[in-house]
Amino acid sequence: MVRVGTLPMRLLALDYGADIVYCEELIDLKMLQCKRVVNEVLGTVDFVAPNDRVVFRTCAKEKDSVVFQMGTADAERALTVAQLVENDVAAIDVNMGCPKEYSTKAGMGAALLSDPDKIESILSTLVKGICKPVTCKIRILPSKEETISLAKTIEKTGVAAIAVHGRKKEERPQHPVHCDVIKAISEAVSVPVIANGGSHDFIKEYSDLEAFQQATAASSVMVARAAMWNPSIFRKEGPQPLNNVIQEYIKYAVRYDNHYTNTKYCLCQMLREQLENAQGKKLHAAQSLEEICEIFEMGSFYKETSALLEARKASLETKDQGEDDQLEDVDVITMAVKFDKREYPLQITPKMCLLEWCRKEKHPQPVYETIERPGDRLFRSVVTVAEQKYRSSFWEKSKKLAEQAAAIACLRTLGVPEGKRSEEASPLVNKRKRHDQELLHNGEHREELLAEAACKKPHFIPRASDSSVS
């Protein structure tokens, strides 16, 4: 479920007795941009987009139970994403049942139901390309015979299970679920069939799960909306009071730094008709996890957990710094310097000055190597010039800042002007200005800058604990 199947809700469902849990549908194109990061502060594995947004977060507690649900319309893209995440999840699922426009307009979700050849290609590629089980979820087609035929085609790809939402793609929750079609599929294929779509008609408490399973002859039952309203639906002893469930959910949200907007959305799904009372209105107005905790009388828990996480972060930073000091390379000249772009003219940076000095002295161009520290995702660079290495002792927020700081350390060690405004009278800076003006007159400035940008492409080396899994 979009926005619901995030880490706190998944962990809570497992606590209450769910056997397996699915993440929300994540689009392959979005995942392809992500980098795998070990978050030592939270004890999670994060898949992080270039804008630093965590697209998928998981942890050891759910490693053997979480299914990565993917939206895709391309076999090769699907395989690349599956290989990226397979060592951190229990299985890979392809969503072929989502009827929402954001999915179908890109040929994903329910749009795949009309293209069995593409379905076969995607699933076969995944089954052959990864070691973890592969499953898919479909909706039913206009006729029972067409649906059974599709299920048999899917079965031949080698999938571990088929989940069937017992509605057609144009039908919505208020329409009756077609148990007879799910049952026909269950009887027609040998792979396990997971029945889905019973929240409205069947599932109100745990005992209803068995009734839905019997009505569909399925191997197991997948629950979406009923679990969204109260994840303790999986509890054999009966559901917990909603207030208890909400408090347990919030604990996970705080412990795993779940974004407050997602936390608020999930809580709104639980409260439903209570959203119009005073507490519900306060929840709507909340603008942080701390405010949400205060609304549910969990302010002290938020402060204690936040303090614990901050202490853990500080401890890891101290440990990393200690390891850096112990492993300090005696061949690297280190200087405590930072790059502040406000101190430099727009057309001048330390890296440009260093590159120009190397050209003048007939040295090979500078080579930058950058590492990222997993604990806080800060960067530090080493620049090699004339077989000598230089770096700043500070960690920076971006690779660009880290490289500029390394260039400053080199330039200051060499006694070479670094391009600051206070140095504008220096020969190197003036030469650069004159050179740029000549190029502008000749109409060549753009081409030279592009060529220079190409030769300055940084060499980025992720740490072992921060690399992609393949």
Protein backbone atom coordinates (compact mmCIF):
# COMPACT_ATOMS: atom_id res chain seq x y z
CA MET A 1 0.00 0.00 0.00
CA VAL A 2 1.44 3.33 -1.06
CA ARG A 3 2.62 5.35 1.97
CA VAL A 4 1.43 2.65 4.39
CA GLY A 5 3.85 -0.24 3.85
CA THR A 6 6.83 1.61 5.33
CA LEU A 7 9.13 0.17 8.00
CA PRO A 8 7.18 1.06 11.20
CA MET A 9 3.94 -0.47 9.90
CA ARG A 10 5.71 -3.59 8.61
CA LEU A 11 7.45 -4.20 11.93
CA LEU A 12 4.22 -3.69 13.84
CA ALA A 13 2.37 -6.19 11.62
CA LEU A 14 5.12 -8.76 12.25
CA ASP A 15 4.88 -8.15 16.00
CA TYR A 16 1.17 -8.92 15.87
CA GLY A 17 1.63 -12.16 13.96
CA ALA A 18 1.91 -11.50 10.21
CA ASP A 19 4.12 -14.11 8.51
CA ILE A 20 5.42 -11.87 5.74
CA VAL A 21 5.09 -8.14 5.01
CA TYR A 22 5.33 -6.15 1.79
CA CYS A 23 6.85 -2.73 1.34
CA GLU A 24 4.85 -0.15 -0.58
CA GLU A 25 5.13 -0.41 -4.37
CA LEU A 26 8.43 1.22 -5.35
CA ILE A 27 9.02 2.20 -8.96
CA ASP A 28 12.09 0.72 -10.67
CA LEU A 29 13.23 4.04 -12.18
CA LYS A 30 13.26 5.65 -8.74
CA MET A 31 15.17 2.75 -7.20
CA LEU A 32 17.77 2.78 -9.98
CA GLN A 33 18.89 6.21 -8.77
CA CYS A 34 19.38 5.00 -5.21
CA LYS A 35 22.53 4.13 -3.36
CA ARG A 36 22.63 1.50 -0.61
CA VAL A 37 23.71 3.07 2.69
CA VAL A 38 24.26 1.32 6.01
CA ASN A 39 22.76 3.60 8.66
CA GLU A 40 24.68 2.71 11.80
CA VAL A 41 22.79 5.19 13.96
CA LEU A 42 19.37 3.64 13.26
CA GLY A 43 20.62 0.10 12.61
CA THR A 44 19.03 0.09 9.16
CA VAL A 45 19.92 -0.34 5.53
CA ASP A 46 18.72 2.67 3.53
CA PHE A 47 18.32 3.07 -0.21
CA VAL A 48 18.86 6.76 -0.72
CA ALA A 49 17.97 8.93 -3.73
CA PRO A 50 20.32 11.67 -5.02
CA ASN A 51 18.23 14.29 -3.15
CA ASP A 52 19.02 12.41 0.12
CA ARG A 53 15.45 11.12 0.43
CA VAL A 54 15.25 7.57 1.83
CA VAL A 55 13.19 5.63 -0.74
CA PHE A 56 13.36 2.26 1.04
CA ARG A 57 14.45 1.54 4.60
CA THR A 58 14.73 -1.92 6.13
CA CYS A 59 16.40 -3.58 9.11
CA ALA A 60 17.63 -6.96 10.34
CA LYS A 61 14.42 -7.64 12.27
CA GLU A 62 12.42 -8.03 9.06
CA LYS A 63 15.13 -9.34 6.73
CA ASP A 64 13.64 -12.84 6.51
CA SER A 65 10.06 -11.59 6.28
CA VAL A 66 9.95 -8.48 4.07
CA VAL A 67 9.00 -8.71 0.39
CA PHE A 68 10.26 -5.93 -1.85
CA GLN A 69 7.30 -4.89 -4.01
CA MET A 70 8.30 -3.35 -7.32
CA GLY A 71 6.52 -1.40 -10.01
CA THR A 72 8.11 -2.07 -13.39
CA ALA A 73 7.43 -2.45 -17.09
CA ASP A 74 10.91 -3.52 -18.17
CA ALA A 75 12.68 -6.82 -17.50
CA GLU A 76 16.24 -5.48 -17.40
CA ARG A 77 15.37 -2.56 -15.12
CA ALA A 78 13.51 -4.94 -12.84
CA LEU A 79 16.51 -7.25 -12.64
CA THR A 80 18.92 -4.42 -11.84
CA VAL A 81 16.71 -3.24 -8.96
CA ALA A 82 16.17 -6.79 -7.69
CA GLN A 83 19.93 -7.37 -7.61
CA LEU A 84 20.39 -4.10 -5.72
CA VAL A 85 18.07 -5.12 -2.87
CA GLU A 86 17.98 -8.94 -2.88
CA ASN A 87 20.51 -9.44 -0.07
CA ASP A 88 18.43 -7.26 2.26
CA VAL A 89 14.97 -8.77 1.67
CA ALA A 90 13.22 -12.14 1.72
CA ALA A 91 11.66 -12.02 -1.76
CA ILE A 92 10.90 -9.81 -4.76
CA ASP A 93 7.32 -9.12 -5.88
CA VAL A 94 6.15 -7.48 -9.11
CA ASN A 95 2.94 -5.52 -8.70
CA MET A 96 0.71 -6.29 -11.70
CA GLY A 97 -2.54 -5.31 -10.04
CA CYS A 98 -2.30 -1.61 -9.17
CA PRO A 99 -5.07 0.25 -11.08
CA LYS A 100 -3.88 3.76 -10.19
CA GLU A 101 -2.95 6.08 -13.04
CA TYR A 102 0.55 6.82 -11.76
CA SER A 103 1.31 3.13 -12.30
CA THR A 104 -0.73 2.22 -15.38
CA LYS A 105 0.22 5.26 -17.48
CA ALA A 106 3.83 4.03 -17.43
CA GLY A 107 2.80 0.52 -18.48
CA MET A 108 3.13 -0.86 -14.95
CA GLY A 109 0.65 -2.36 -12.50
CA ALA A 110 -2.67 -3.45 -14.00
CA ALA A 111 -1.52 -2.24 -17.44
CA LEU A 112 0.65 -5.37 -17.62
CA LEU A 113 -2.41 -7.62 -17.47
CA SER A 114 -3.06 -7.00 -21.17
CA ASP A 115 0.53 -7.86 -22.13
CA PRO A 116 1.26 -11.50 -21.10
CA ASP A 117 4.46 -11.58 -23.16
CA LYS A 118 5.92 -8.72 -21.12
CA ILE A 119 4.75 -10.36 -17.89
CA GLU A 120 6.53 -13.56 -18.90
CA SER A 121 9.68 -11.66 -19.84
CA ILE A 122 9.86 -9.74 -16.56
CA LEU A 123 9.18 -12.70 -14.30
CA SER A 124 11.43 -15.14 -16.19
CA THR A 125 14.29 -12.64 -16.12
CA LEU A 126 13.91 -12.16 -12.37
CA VAL A 127 13.60 -15.87 -11.59
CA LYS A 128 16.78 -16.64 -13.55
CA GLY A 129 18.70 -13.57 -12.38
CA ILE A 130 18.36 -13.59 -8.58
CA CYS A 131 18.59 -16.14 -5.78
CA LYS A 132 15.57 -14.99 -3.77
CA PRO A 133 11.97 -16.11 -4.47
CA VAL A 134 10.01 -14.09 -7.03
CA THR A 135 6.26 -13.51 -6.75
CA CYS A 136 3.69 -11.30 -8.44
CA LYS A 137 0.24 -9.92 -7.73
CA ILE A 138 -2.48 -9.73 -10.39
CA ARG A 139 -6.12 -8.68 -10.66
CA ILE A 140 -8.71 -10.80 -12.40
CA LEU A 141 -9.43 -10.37 -16.11
CA PRO A 142 -12.87 -9.91 -17.75
CA SER A 143 -13.48 -13.67 -17.79
CA LYS A 144 -12.55 -16.52 -15.48
CA GLU A 145 -10.98 -18.44 -18.38
CA GLU A 146 -8.67 -15.53 -19.31
CA THR A 147 -7.57 -15.17 -15.71
CA ILE A 148 -6.77 -18.87 -15.37
CA SER A 149 -4.83 -18.77 -18.64
CA LEU A 150 -2.76 -15.84 -17.39
CA ALA A 151 -2.09 -17.60 -14.09
CA LYS A 152 -0.83 -20.68 -15.93
CA THR A 153 1.47 -18.51 -18.04
CA ILE A 154 2.84 -16.95 -14.86
CA GLU A 155 3.27 -20.36 -13.25
CA LYS A 156 5.57 -21.46 -16.09
CA THR A 157 8.03 -18.64 -15.34
CA GLY A 158 9.01 -20.34 -12.08
CA VAL A 159 7.55 -17.87 -9.61
CA ALA A 160 7.22 -18.96 -5.99
CA ALA A 161 3.62 -17.73 -5.57
CA ILE A 162 0.86 -15.72 -7.24
CA ALA A 163 -1.20 -13.21 -5.27
CA VAL A 164 -4.66 -12.58 -6.73
CA HIS A 165 -6.72 -9.51 -5.92
CA GLY A 166 -10.24 -10.77 -6.60
CA ARG A 167 -11.46 -7.71 -8.48
CA LYS A 168 -11.14 -6.44 -12.05
CA LYS A 169 -8.93 -3.44 -12.65
CA GLU A 170 -11.91 -1.09 -12.97
CA GLU A 171 -13.51 -2.34 -9.74
CA ARG A 172 -12.96 -0.69 -6.38
CA PRO A 173 -13.20 -1.81 -2.72
CA GLN A 174 -16.96 -1.26 -2.58
CA HIS A 175 -17.42 -3.89 -5.30
CA PRO A 176 -17.75 -7.52 -4.12
CA VAL A 177 -14.59 -9.61 -4.20
CA HIS A 178 -14.83 -12.53 -6.67
CA CYS A 179 -13.90 -15.45 -4.43
CA ASP A 180 -14.99 -17.93 -7.10
CA VAL A 181 -12.33 -16.69 -9.52
CA ILE A 182 -9.57 -16.86 -6.91
CA LYS A 183 -10.73 -20.39 -6.06
CA ALA A 184 -10.65 -21.40 -9.74
CA ILE A 185 -7.07 -20.15 -10.02
CA SER A 186 -6.07 -21.95 -6.80
CA GLU A 187 -7.39 -25.21 -8.25
CA ALA A 188 -5.83 -24.67 -11.69
CA VAL A 189 -2.19 -24.03 -10.74
CA SER A 190 0.28 -25.89 -8.55
CA VAL A 191 2.10 -22.85 -7.12
CA PRO A 192 0.74 -21.26 -3.93
CA VAL A 193 -2.03 -18.71 -4.49
CA ILE A 194 -2.38 -15.79 -2.07
CA ALA A 195 -5.94 -14.44 -1.81
CA ASN A 196 -6.32 -10.68 -1.61
CA GLY A 197 -9.22 -8.23 -1.53
CA GLY A 198 -11.28 -9.51 1.39
CA SER A 199 -11.06 -6.55 3.77
CA HIS A 200 -14.45 -5.07 2.82
CA ASP A 201 -16.48 -8.29 2.54
CA PHE A 202 -14.80 -10.74 4.91
CA ILE A 203 -12.01 -9.57 7.17
CA LYS A 204 -12.90 -7.75 10.37
CA GLU A 205 -10.90 -9.85 12.84
CA TYR A 206 -8.37 -12.71 12.88
CA SER A 207 -10.95 -15.51 12.60
CA ASP A 208 -12.16 -14.01 9.32
CA LEU A 209 -8.80 -14.72 7.71
CA GLU A 210 -9.52 -18.44 7.80
CA ALA A 211 -13.02 -17.92 6.36
CA PHE A 212 -11.60 -15.97 3.41
CA GLN A 213 -8.91 -18.59 2.86
CA GLN A 214 -11.50 -21.38 2.76
CA ALA A 215 -13.78 -19.44 0.41
CA THR A 216 -10.93 -19.01 -2.08
CA ALA A 217 -9.10 -22.34 -1.53
CA ALA A 218 -5.94 -20.24 -1.37
CA SER A 219 -2.69 -21.16 0.34
CA SER A 220 -2.67 -17.95 2.35
CA VAL A 221 -4.34 -14.57 2.71
CA MET A 222 -2.96 -11.09 2.02
CA VAL A 223 -4.53 -8.26 4.04
CA ALA A 224 -4.28 -4.61 3.07
CA ARG A 225 -6.93 -2.15 4.28
CA ALA A 226 -8.00 -4.12 7.35
CA ALA A 227 -4.36 -4.19 8.46
CA MET A 228 -3.95 -0.50 7.64
CA TRP A 229 -6.88 0.32 9.96
CA ASN A 230 -5.55 -1.88 12.75
CA PRO A 231 -2.43 -4.03 12.21
CA SER A 232 -3.31 -6.12 15.25
CA ILE A 233 -5.77 -7.90 12.90
CA PHE A 234 -2.98 -10.53 12.70
CA ARG A 235 -3.16 -11.23 16.43
CA LYS A 236 -4.65 -14.68 17.10
CA GLU A 237 -5.87 -13.63 20.53
CA GLY A 238 -7.91 -10.81 18.99
CA PRO A 239 -7.23 -7.17 18.09
CA GLN A 240 -5.64 -4.76 20.51
CA PRO A 241 -7.35 -1.47 21.47
CA LEU A 242 -6.53 1.13 18.84
CA ASN A 243 -4.82 3.45 21.34
CA ASN A 244 -2.35 0.68 22.22
CA VAL A 245 -1.68 -0.01 18.54
CA ILE A 246 -1.11 3.68 17.83
CA GLN A 247 1.40 3.99 20.67
CA GLU A 248 3.35 0.94 19.44
CA TYR A 249 3.34 2.33 15.91
CA ILE A 250 4.64 5.71 17.06
CA LYS A 251 7.47 4.02 18.98
CA TYR A 252 8.69 2.41 15.77
CA ALA A 253 8.26 5.66 13.84
CA VAL A 254 10.48 7.52 16.31
CA ARG A 255 13.07 4.74 16.70
CA TYR A 256 13.52 4.51 12.94
CA ASP A 257 13.24 8.23 12.19
CA ASN A 258 10.18 7.83 9.98
CA HIS A 259 9.26 11.11 8.27
CA TYR A 260 6.51 12.88 10.17
CA THR A 261 4.29 13.27 7.08
CA ASN A 262 4.28 9.51 6.50
CA THR A 263 3.72 8.85 10.19
CA LYS A 264 0.80 11.27 10.22
CA TYR A 265 -0.73 9.67 7.11
CA CYS A 266 -0.63 6.17 8.64
CA LEU A 267 -2.11 7.39 11.91
CA CYS A 268 -4.94 9.10 10.01
CA GLN A 269 -5.76 5.75 8.35
CA MET A 270 -6.02 4.18 11.79
CA LEU A 271 -8.12 6.92 13.36
CA ARG A 272 -10.60 7.22 10.46
CA GLU A 273 -13.90 8.40 12.00
CA GLN A 274 -12.03 9.82 15.00
CA LEU A 275 -10.23 12.38 12.84
CA GLU A 276 -12.93 14.96 13.56
CA ASN A 277 -12.44 14.88 17.32
CA ALA A 278 -9.99 17.16 19.13
CA GLN A 279 -7.11 14.69 18.98
CA GLY A 280 -7.66 14.06 15.27
CA LYS A 281 -7.63 17.78 14.49
CA LYS A 282 -4.39 18.22 16.42
CA LEU A 283 -2.88 15.36 14.41
CA HIS A 284 -3.85 17.08 11.15
CA ALA A 285 -2.04 20.21 12.32
CA ALA A 286 1.14 18.45 13.53
CA GLN A 287 4.35 19.47 11.77
CA SER A 288 6.90 17.14 13.36
CA LEU A 289 7.33 13.76 15.01
CA GLU A 290 7.75 15.53 18.33
CA GLU A 291 4.34 17.22 17.97
CA ILE A 292 2.74 13.90 17.04
CA CYS A 293 4.21 12.30 20.17
CA GLU A 294 2.90 15.11 22.36
CA ILE A 295 -0.61 14.67 20.94
CA PHE A 296 -0.60 11.03 22.02
CA GLU A 297 1.07 11.76 25.39
CA MET A 298 4.40 10.30 24.31
CA GLY A 299 6.52 13.44 24.58
CA SER A 300 8.89 11.90 27.12
CA PHE A 301 9.41 8.84 24.89
CA TYR A 302 10.33 11.12 21.97
CA LYS A 303 12.88 13.05 24.03
CA GLU A 304 14.46 9.93 25.50
CA THR A 305 14.70 8.15 22.14
CA SER A 306 16.00 11.25 20.35
CA ALA A 307 18.67 11.69 23.03
CA LEU A 308 19.65 8.02 22.67
CA LEU A 309 19.97 8.35 18.88
CA GLU A 310 22.00 11.55 19.20
CA ALA A 311 24.32 9.87 21.70
CA ARG A 312 24.74 6.90 19.36
CA LYS A 313 25.54 9.25 16.48
CA ALA A 314 28.11 11.14 18.55
CA SER A 315 29.70 7.87 19.68
CA LEU A 316 29.98 6.64 16.09
CA GLU A 317 31.51 9.94 14.98
CA THR A 318 34.08 9.73 17.78
CA LYS A 319 34.83 6.12 16.87
CA ASP A 320 35.20 7.00 13.17
CA GLN A 321 37.48 9.91 14.01
CA GLY A 322 39.56 7.63 16.25
CA GLU A 323 39.87 5.06 13.50
CA ASP A 324 40.82 7.80 11.05
CA ASP A 325 43.54 8.98 13.41
CA GLN A 326 44.87 5.44 13.89
CA LEU A 327 44.85 4.72 10.20
CA GLU A 328 46.18 8.13 9.22
CA ASP A 329 48.33 7.73 6.17
CA VAL A 330 51.70 9.29 6.94
CA ASP A 331 52.12 9.97 3.23
CA VAL A 332 49.09 12.25 3.15
CA ILE A 333 49.66 15.88 4.10
CA THR A 334 46.62 16.89 6.19
CA MET A 335 45.50 20.43 6.99
CA ALA A 336 42.47 21.74 8.88
CA VAL A 337 40.89 23.82 6.10
CA LYS A 338 37.40 24.36 4.71
CA PHE A 339 36.08 25.83 1.47
CA ASP A 340 33.77 28.84 1.82
CA LYS A 341 32.63 29.94 -1.65
CA ARG A 342 31.82 33.41 -0.32
CA GLU A 343 35.56 34.06 -0.06
CA TYR A 344 36.13 33.46 -3.79
CA PRO A 345 35.10 35.28 -6.99
CA LEU A 346 32.51 33.48 -9.10
CA GLN A 347 35.01 32.55 -11.78
CA ILE A 348 37.71 31.23 -9.41
CA THR A 349 37.87 28.12 -7.19
CA PRO A 350 40.83 26.38 -5.48
CA LYS A 351 40.44 23.38 -7.83
CA MET A 352 40.77 25.66 -10.86
CA CYS A 353 43.85 27.33 -9.39
CA LEU A 354 45.43 23.95 -8.65
CA LEU A 355 44.70 22.68 -12.14
CA GLU A 356 46.25 25.80 -13.68
CA TRP A 357 49.34 25.53 -11.47
CA CYS A 358 49.81 21.88 -12.52
CA ARG A 359 49.63 22.87 -16.18
CA LYS A 360 52.18 25.62 -15.66
CA GLU A 361 54.55 23.29 -13.83
CA LYS A 362 53.94 20.53 -16.41
CA HIS A 363 52.59 18.09 -13.78
CA PRO A 364 49.79 15.62 -14.53
CA GLN A 365 46.39 17.05 -13.66
CA PRO A 366 45.22 16.59 -10.04
CA VAL A 367 43.46 13.32 -9.18
CA TYR A 368 40.71 13.38 -6.53
CA GLU A 369 39.60 10.35 -4.52
CA THR A 370 36.53 10.78 -2.30
CA ILE A 371 35.11 8.55 0.42
CA GLU A 372 31.77 8.78 2.23
CA ARG A 373 31.47 8.00 5.93
CA PRO A 374 28.42 5.72 6.40
CA GLY A 375 27.53 6.88 9.90
CA ASP A 376 26.68 10.46 8.93
CA ARG A 377 27.17 10.40 5.13
CA LEU A 378 29.85 13.11 5.17
CA PHE A 379 32.66 13.24 2.62
CA ARG A 380 36.43 13.67 2.58
CA SER A 381 38.72 13.88 -0.44
CA VAL A 382 42.38 13.26 -1.10
CA VAL A 383 44.04 15.02 -4.04
CA THR A 384 47.23 13.67 -5.58
CA VAL A 385 49.59 16.20 -7.19
CA ALA A 386 53.08 15.32 -8.36
CA GLU A 387 52.86 11.97 -6.53
CA GLN A 388 52.09 13.67 -3.20
CA LYS A 389 48.68 13.39 -1.49
CA TYR A 390 46.85 16.19 0.34
CA ARG A 391 43.56 16.46 2.21
CA SER A 392 41.61 18.45 4.77
CA SER A 393 41.05 16.97 8.23
CA PHE A 394 37.39 18.05 8.08
CA TRP A 395 34.49 16.01 6.71
CA GLU A 396 32.14 17.88 4.38
CA LYS A 397 28.47 17.66 3.39
CA SER A 398 29.19 17.06 -0.31
CA LYS A 399 31.88 15.64 -2.59
CA LYS A 400 32.33 19.07 -4.22
CA LEU A 401 33.12 20.78 -0.92
CA ALA A 402 35.47 17.96 0.10
CA GLU A 403 37.42 18.23 -3.17
CA GLN A 404 37.74 22.01 -2.87
CA ALA A 405 39.04 21.61 0.70
CA ALA A 406 41.64 19.07 -0.47
CA ALA A 407 42.74 21.50 -3.19
CA ILE A 408 43.14 24.25 -0.58
CA ALA A 409 45.31 21.99 1.58
CA CYS A 410 47.54 21.30 -1.43
CA LEU A 411 47.78 24.93 -2.56
CA ARG A 412 48.60 26.23 0.91
CA THR A 413 51.26 23.57 1.41
CA LEU A 414 52.82 24.53 -1.92
CA GLY A 415 52.54 28.25 -1.15
CA VAL A 416 50.45 28.80 -4.26
CA PRO A 417 47.58 31.37 -4.36
CA GLU A 418 44.19 29.65 -4.06
CA GLY A 419 42.07 32.31 -5.75
CA LYS A 420 40.59 34.16 -2.78
CA ARG A 421 39.25 37.67 -3.32
CA SER A 422 42.10 38.98 -1.19
CA GLU A 423 44.56 37.41 -3.69
CA GLU A 424 43.04 38.86 -6.84
CA ALA A 425 46.23 40.75 -7.55
CA SER A 426 48.19 37.52 -7.75
CA PRO A 427 49.66 36.58 -11.17
CA LEU A 428 47.78 33.29 -11.38
CA VAL A 429 44.37 34.81 -10.76
CA ASN A 430 45.03 37.72 -13.12
CA LYS A 431 46.26 35.31 -15.77
CA ARG A 432 43.06 33.32 -15.43
CA LYS A 433 40.99 36.46 -15.82
CA ARG A 434 42.90 37.57 -18.91
CA HIS A 435 42.68 34.09 -20.39
CA ASP A 436 38.90 33.98 -19.84
CA GLN A 437 38.47 37.41 -21.42
CA GLU A 438 40.45 36.33 -24.49
CA LEU A 439 38.34 33.21 -24.84
CA LEU A 440 35.16 35.22 -24.56
CA HIS A 441 36.37 37.49 -27.37
CA ASN A 442 37.15 34.45 -29.49
CA GLY A 443 33.80 32.77 -28.74
CA GLU A 444 35.61 29.75 -27.31
CA HIS A 445 34.81 30.08 -23.64
CA ARG A 446 32.00 27.52 -23.57
CA GLU A 447 34.03 24.84 -25.35
CA GLU A 448 37.05 25.25 -23.08
CA LEU A 449 34.97 25.15 -19.91
CA LEU A 450 33.25 22.00 -21.12
CA ALA A 451 36.59 20.39 -21.91
CA GLU A 452 37.94 21.39 -18.51
CA ALA A 453 34.85 20.02 -16.75
CA ALA A 454 35.37 16.71 -18.50
CA CYS A 455 38.99 16.41 -17.39
CA LYS A 456 38.06 17.29 -13.81
CA LYS A 457 35.55 14.47 -13.35
CA PRO A 458 36.09 13.22 -9.75
CA HIS A 459 36.96 9.67 -8.86
CA PHE A 460 34.47 8.54 -6.20
CA ILE A 461 35.25 5.53 -4.01
CA PRO A 462 32.41 4.36 -1.71
CA ARG A 463 33.37 2.60 1.48
CA ALA A 464 32.85 -1.13 1.60
CA SER A 465 29.90 -0.88 4.01
CA ASP A 466 28.25 1.71 1.74
CA SER A 467 28.49 -0.04 -1.59
CA SER A 468 25.69 -1.52 -3.64
CA VAL A 469 24.98 -5.20 -3.23
CA SER A 470 24.99 -7.28 -6.38
